[in-house]
PDB file of all heavy atoms in Angstrom:
ATOM      1  N   GLY A   1     111.247  39.358 131.512  1.00  0.00           N
ATOM      2  CA  GLY A   1     110.696  39.166 130.173  1.00  0.00           C
ATOM      3  C   GLY A   1     109.690  38.031 130.112  1.00  0.00           C
ATOM      4  O   GLY A   1     108.665  38.135 129.443  1.00  0.00           O
ATOM      5  N   ALA A   2     109.978  36.946 130.803  1.00  0.00           N
ATOM      6  CA  ALA A   2     109.035  35.812 130.825  1.00  0.00           C
ATOM      7  C   ALA A   2     107.733  36.210 131.510  1.00  0.00           C
ATOM      8  O   ALA A   2     106.640  35.877 131.029  1.00  0.00           O
ATOM      9  CB  ALA A   2     109.665  34.619 131.530  1.00  0.00           C
ATOM     10  N   ALA A   3     107.832  36.941 132.618  1.00  0.00           N
ATOM     11  CA  ALA A   3     106.624  37.388 133.325  1.00  0.00           C
ATOM     12  C   ALA A   3     105.800  38.307 132.435  1.00  0.00           C
ATOM     13  O   ALA A   3     104.577  38.148 132.310  1.00  0.00           O
ATOM     14  CB  ALA A   3     107.005  38.093 134.623  1.00  0.00           C
ATOM     15  N   LEU A   4     106.454  39.269 131.798  1.00  0.00           N
ATOM     16  CA  LEU A   4     105.727  40.222 130.951  1.00  0.00           C
ATOM     17  C   LEU A   4     105.160  39.546 129.705  1.00  0.00           C
ATOM     18  O   LEU A   4     104.030  39.829 129.309  1.00  0.00           O
ATOM     19  CB  LEU A   4     106.652  41.376 130.560  1.00  0.00           C
ATOM     20  CG  LEU A   4     106.018  42.478 129.721  1.00  0.00           C
ATOM     21  CD1 LEU A   4     104.783  43.064 130.396  1.00  0.00           C
ATOM     22  CD2 LEU A   4     107.031  43.566 129.432  1.00  0.00           C
ATOM     23  N   THR A   5     105.918  38.650 129.114  1.00  0.00           N
ATOM     24  CA  THR A   5     105.434  37.943 127.927  1.00  0.00           C
ATOM     25  C   THR A   5     104.216  37.084 128.266  1.00  0.00           C
ATOM     26  O   THR A   5     103.224  37.089 127.530  1.00  0.00           O
ATOM     27  CB  THR A   5     106.556  37.086 127.314  1.00  0.00           C
ATOM     28  OG1 THR A   5     107.621  37.963 126.915  1.00  0.00           O
ATOM     29  CG2 THR A   5     106.080  36.297 126.117  1.00  0.00           C
ATOM     30  N   GLY A   6     104.273  36.384 129.381  1.00  0.00           N
ATOM     31  CA  GLY A   6     103.122  35.576 129.796  1.00  0.00           C
ATOM     32  C   GLY A   6     101.900  36.431 130.085  1.00  0.00           C
ATOM     33  O   GLY A   6     100.787  36.123 129.633  1.00  0.00           O
ATOM     34  N   PHE A   7     102.102  37.505 130.824  1.00  0.00           N
ATOM     35  CA  PHE A   7     100.991  38.387 131.179  1.00  0.00           C
ATOM     36  C   PHE A   7     100.377  39.014 129.927  1.00  0.00           C
ATOM     37  O   PHE A   7      99.162  38.969 129.730  1.00  0.00           O
ATOM     38  CB  PHE A   7     101.484  39.475 132.145  1.00  0.00           C
ATOM     39  CG  PHE A   7     100.406  40.415 132.577  1.00  0.00           C
ATOM     40  CD1 PHE A   7      99.443  40.021 133.491  1.00  0.00           C
ATOM     41  CD2 PHE A   7     100.342  41.695 132.061  1.00  0.00           C
ATOM     42  CE1 PHE A   7      98.426  40.877 133.884  1.00  0.00           C
ATOM     43  CE2 PHE A   7      99.339  42.565 132.440  1.00  0.00           C
ATOM     44  CZ  PHE A   7      98.387  42.159 133.358  1.00  0.00           C
ATOM     45  N   SER A   8     101.203  39.585 129.063  1.00  0.00           N
ATOM     46  CA  SER A   8     100.665  40.253 127.879  1.00  0.00           C
ATOM     47  C   SER A   8     100.068  39.255 126.887  1.00  0.00           C
ATOM     48  O   SER A   8      99.097  39.578 126.194  1.00  0.00           O
ATOM     49  CB  SER A   8     101.739  41.114 127.212  1.00  0.00           C
ATOM     50  OG  SER A   8     102.847  40.343 126.829  1.00  0.00           O
ATOM     51  N   SER A   9     100.595  38.042 126.842  1.00  0.00           N
ATOM     52  CA  SER A   9     100.000  37.011 125.970  1.00  0.00           C
ATOM     53  C   SER A   9      98.577  36.696 126.408  1.00  0.00           C
ATOM     54  O   SER A   9      97.687  36.503 125.571  1.00  0.00           O
ATOM     55  CB  SER A   9     100.846  35.740 125.990  1.00  0.00           C
ATOM     56  OG  SER A   9     102.088  35.974 125.393  1.00  0.00           O
ATOM     57  N   GLY A  10      98.358  36.648 127.716  1.00  0.00           N
ATOM     58  CA  GLY A  10      97.004  36.425 128.224  1.00  0.00           C
ATOM     59  C   GLY A  10      96.064  37.550 127.824  1.00  0.00           C
ATOM     60  O   GLY A  10      94.905  37.312 127.434  1.00  0.00           O
ATOM     61  N   LEU A  11      96.531  38.786 127.909  1.00  0.00           N
ATOM     62  CA  LEU A  11      95.698  39.927 127.509  1.00  0.00           C
ATOM     63  C   LEU A  11      95.385  39.899 126.018  1.00  0.00           C
ATOM     64  O   LEU A  11      94.251  40.185 125.600  1.00  0.00           O
ATOM     65  CB  LEU A  11      96.398  41.242 127.861  1.00  0.00           C
ATOM     66  CG  LEU A  11      96.546  41.550 129.340  1.00  0.00           C
ATOM     67  CD1 LEU A  11      97.423  42.781 129.544  1.00  0.00           C
ATOM     68  CD2 LEU A  11      95.189  41.751 129.988  1.00  0.00           C
ATOM     69  N   LEU A  12      96.376  39.549 125.216  1.00  0.00           N
ATOM     70  CA  LEU A  12      96.135  39.490 123.776  1.00  0.00           C
ATOM     71  C   LEU A  12      95.235  38.313 123.405  1.00  0.00           C
ATOM     72  O   LEU A  12      94.438  38.417 122.476  1.00  0.00           O
ATOM     73  CB  LEU A  12      97.456  39.445 123.015  1.00  0.00           C
ATOM     74  CG  LEU A  12      98.234  40.761 123.093  1.00  0.00           C
ATOM     75  CD1 LEU A  12      99.614  40.608 122.475  1.00  0.00           C
ATOM     76  CD2 LEU A  12      97.470  41.896 122.439  1.00  0.00           C
ATOM     77  N   ALA A  13      95.333  37.215 124.131  1.00  0.00           N
ATOM     78  CA  ALA A  13      94.410  36.098 123.900  1.00  0.00           C
ATOM     79  C   ALA A  13      92.981  36.526 124.227  1.00  0.00           C
ATOM     80  O   ALA A  13      92.045  36.206 123.488  1.00  0.00           O
ATOM     81  CB  ALA A  13      94.818  34.887 124.729  1.00  0.00           C
ATOM     82  N   LEU A  14      92.820  37.269 125.311  1.00  0.00           N
ATOM     83  CA  LEU A  14      91.500  37.812 125.662  1.00  0.00           C
ATOM     84  C   LEU A  14      90.985  38.683 124.524  1.00  0.00           C
ATOM     85  O   LEU A  14      89.827  38.569 124.111  1.00  0.00           O
ATOM     86  CB  LEU A  14      91.589  38.621 126.955  1.00  0.00           C
ATOM     87  CG  LEU A  14      90.322  39.369 127.326  1.00  0.00           C
ATOM     88  CD1 LEU A  14      89.530  38.564 128.339  1.00  0.00           C
ATOM     89  CD2 LEU A  14      90.648  40.731 127.883  1.00  0.00           C
ATOM     90  N   TYR A  15      91.837  39.532 124.000  1.00  0.00           N
ATOM     91  CA  TYR A  15      91.472  40.408 122.881  1.00  0.00           C
ATOM     92  C   TYR A  15      91.018  39.592 121.669  1.00  0.00           C
ATOM     93  O   TYR A  15      89.963  39.853 121.089  1.00  0.00           O
ATOM     94  CB  TYR A  15      92.671  41.294 122.528  1.00  0.00           C
ATOM     95  CG  TYR A  15      92.530  42.030 121.226  1.00  0.00           C
ATOM     96  CD1 TYR A  15      91.720  43.159 121.146  1.00  0.00           C
ATOM     97  CD2 TYR A  15      93.207  41.621 120.086  1.00  0.00           C
ATOM     98  CE1 TYR A  15      91.589  43.855 119.947  1.00  0.00           C
ATOM     99  CE2 TYR A  15      93.085  42.308 118.891  1.00  0.00           C
ATOM    100  CZ  TYR A  15      92.276  43.416 118.825  1.00  0.00           C
ATOM    101  OH  TYR A  15      92.143  44.097 117.635  1.00  0.00           O
ATOM    102  N   LEU A  16      91.794  38.602 121.294  1.00  0.00           N
ATOM    103  CA  LEU A  16      91.480  37.812 120.106  1.00  0.00           C
ATOM    104  C   LEU A  16      90.260  36.918 120.287  1.00  0.00           C
ATOM    105  O   LEU A  16      89.566  36.611 119.318  1.00  0.00           O
ATOM    106  CB  LEU A  16      92.694  36.966 119.701  1.00  0.00           C
ATOM    107  CG  LEU A  16      93.887  37.781 119.191  1.00  0.00           C
ATOM    108  CD1 LEU A  16      95.110  36.882 119.034  1.00  0.00           C
ATOM    109  CD2 LEU A  16      93.554  38.479 117.880  1.00  0.00           C
ATOM    110  N   ARG A  17      89.979  36.511 121.532  1.00  0.00           N
ATOM    111  CA  ARG A  17      88.838  35.621 121.797  1.00  0.00           C
ATOM    112  C   ARG A  17      87.545  36.375 122.085  1.00  0.00           C
ATOM    113  O   ARG A  17      86.520  35.742 122.318  1.00  0.00           O
ATOM    114  CB  ARG A  17      89.163  34.709 122.988  1.00  0.00           C
ATOM    115  CG  ARG A  17      90.249  33.721 122.677  1.00  0.00           C
ATOM    116  CD  ARG A  17      90.666  32.960 123.920  1.00  0.00           C
ATOM    117  NE  ARG A  17      91.054  31.629 123.549  1.00  0.00           N
ATOM    118  CZ  ARG A  17      90.794  30.548 124.254  1.00  0.00           C
ATOM    119  NH1 ARG A  17      90.146  30.631 125.394  1.00  0.00           N
ATOM    120  NH2 ARG A  17      91.184  29.376 123.842  1.00  0.00           N
ATOM    121  N   THR A  18      87.604  37.693 122.104  1.00  0.00           N
ATOM    122  CA  THR A  18      86.417  38.505 122.384  1.00  0.00           C
ATOM    123  C   THR A  18      86.016  39.223 121.096  1.00  0.00           C
ATOM    124  O   THR A  18      86.606  40.253 120.735  1.00  0.00           O
ATOM    125  CB  THR A  18      86.691  39.516 123.514  1.00  0.00           C
ATOM    126  OG1 THR A  18      87.190  38.807 124.653  1.00  0.00           O
ATOM    127  CG2 THR A  18      85.432  40.277 123.893  1.00  0.00           C
ATOM    128  N   PRO A  19      85.016  38.699 120.381  1.00  0.00           N
ATOM    129  CA  PRO A  19      84.659  39.254 119.066  1.00  0.00           C
ATOM    130  C   PRO A  19      84.347  40.756 119.075  1.00  0.00           C
ATOM    131  O   PRO A  19      84.663  41.446 118.103  1.00  0.00           O
ATOM    132  CB  PRO A  19      83.423  38.436 118.661  1.00  0.00           C
ATOM    133  CG  PRO A  19      83.580  37.149 119.398  1.00  0.00           C
ATOM    134  CD  PRO A  19      84.227  37.515 120.710  1.00  0.00           C
ATOM    135  N   ALA A  20      83.780  41.268 120.133  1.00  0.00           N
ATOM    136  CA  ALA A  20      83.430  42.693 120.164  1.00  0.00           C
ATOM    137  C   ALA A  20      84.651  43.605 120.184  1.00  0.00           C
ATOM    138  O   ALA A  20      84.535  44.808 119.907  1.00  0.00           O
ATOM    139  CB  ALA A  20      82.562  42.990 121.386  1.00  0.00           C
ATOM    140  N   LEU A  21      85.821  43.048 120.475  1.00  0.00           N
ATOM    141  CA  LEU A  21      87.024  43.880 120.587  1.00  0.00           C
ATOM    142  C   LEU A  21      87.763  44.070 119.258  1.00  0.00           C
ATOM    143  O   LEU A  21      88.641  44.921 119.156  1.00  0.00           O
ATOM    144  CB  LEU A  21      87.982  43.294 121.627  1.00  0.00           C
ATOM    145  CG  LEU A  21      87.459  43.247 123.057  1.00  0.00           C
ATOM    146  CD1 LEU A  21      88.521  42.676 123.986  1.00  0.00           C
ATOM    147  CD2 LEU A  21      87.007  44.625 123.531  1.00  0.00           C
ATOM    148  N   HIS A  22      87.416  43.268 118.249  1.00  0.00           N
ATOM    149  CA  HIS A  22      88.078  43.437 116.952  1.00  0.00           C
ATOM    150  C   HIS A  22      87.069  43.334 115.827  1.00  0.00           C
ATOM    151  O   HIS A  22      85.961  42.820 115.999  1.00  0.00           O
ATOM    152  CB  HIS A  22      89.223  42.430 116.771  1.00  0.00           C
ATOM    153  CG  HIS A  22      88.834  41.012 116.989  1.00  0.00           C
ATOM    154  ND1 HIS A  22      88.298  40.222 116.015  1.00  0.00           N
ATOM    155  CD2 HIS A  22      88.891  40.244 118.098  1.00  0.00           C
ATOM    156  CE1 HIS A  22      88.048  39.025 116.504  1.00  0.00           C
ATOM    157  NE2 HIS A  22      88.401  39.013 117.774  1.00  0.00           N
ATOM    158  N   LYS A  23      87.463  43.850 114.676  1.00  0.00           N
ATOM    159  CA  LYS A  23      86.583  43.836 113.509  1.00  0.00           C
ATOM    160  C   LYS A  23      86.373  42.395 113.050  1.00  0.00           C
ATOM    161  O   LYS A  23      87.259  41.549 113.226  1.00  0.00           O
ATOM    162  CB  LYS A  23      87.201  44.671 112.392  1.00  0.00           C
ATOM    163  CG  LYS A  23      87.290  46.148 112.757  1.00  0.00           C
ATOM    164  CD  LYS A  23      87.996  46.935 111.680  1.00  0.00           C
ATOM    165  CE  LYS A  23      88.103  48.399 112.112  1.00  0.00           C
ATOM    166  NZ  LYS A  23      88.892  49.181 111.171  1.00  0.00           N
ATOM    167  N   PRO A  24      85.213  42.100 112.461  1.00  0.00           N
ATOM    168  CA  PRO A  24      84.929  40.735 112.006  1.00  0.00           C
ATOM    169  C   PRO A  24      86.017  40.199 111.061  1.00  0.00           C
ATOM    170  O   PRO A  24      86.472  40.898 110.164  1.00  0.00           O
ATOM    171  CB  PRO A  24      83.591  40.865 111.275  1.00  0.00           C
ATOM    172  CG  PRO A  24      82.971  42.096 111.854  1.00  0.00           C
ATOM    173  CD  PRO A  24      84.111  43.018 112.181  1.00  0.00           C
ATOM    174  N   ARG A  25      86.453  38.978 111.311  1.00  0.00           N
ATOM    175  CA  ARG A  25      87.465  38.287 110.500  1.00  0.00           C
ATOM    176  C   ARG A  25      88.751  39.108 110.340  1.00  0.00           C
ATOM    177  O   ARG A  25      89.387  39.092 109.291  1.00  0.00           O
ATOM    178  CB  ARG A  25      86.881  37.898 109.137  1.00  0.00           C
ATOM    179  CG  ARG A  25      85.745  36.873 109.226  1.00  0.00           C
ATOM    180  CD  ARG A  25      85.089  36.596 107.897  1.00  0.00           C
ATOM    181  NE  ARG A  25      84.552  37.766 107.211  1.00  0.00           N
ATOM    182  CZ  ARG A  25      83.414  38.406 107.548  1.00  0.00           C
ATOM    183  NH1 ARG A  25      82.697  37.989 108.559  1.00  0.00           N
ATOM    184  NH2 ARG A  25      83.014  39.450 106.861  1.00  0.00           N
ATOM    185  N   SER A  26      89.118  39.832 111.395  1.00  0.00           N
ATOM    186  CA  SER A  26      90.290  40.701 111.336  1.00  0.00           C
ATOM    187  C   SER A  26      90.970  40.750 112.706  1.00  0.00           C
ATOM    188  O   SER A  26      90.330  40.512 113.723  1.00  0.00           O
ATOM    189  CB  SER A  26      89.853  42.114 110.938  1.00  0.00           C
ATOM    190  OG  SER A  26      90.919  43.026 111.029  1.00  0.00           O
TER     191      SER A  26
END
């Protein structure tokens, strides 16, 4: 669980930090 949580948290951080991947201000 710790390995998966760490790995997926990194992917979601990438998602949130890449503006082209999500709608503006959303």
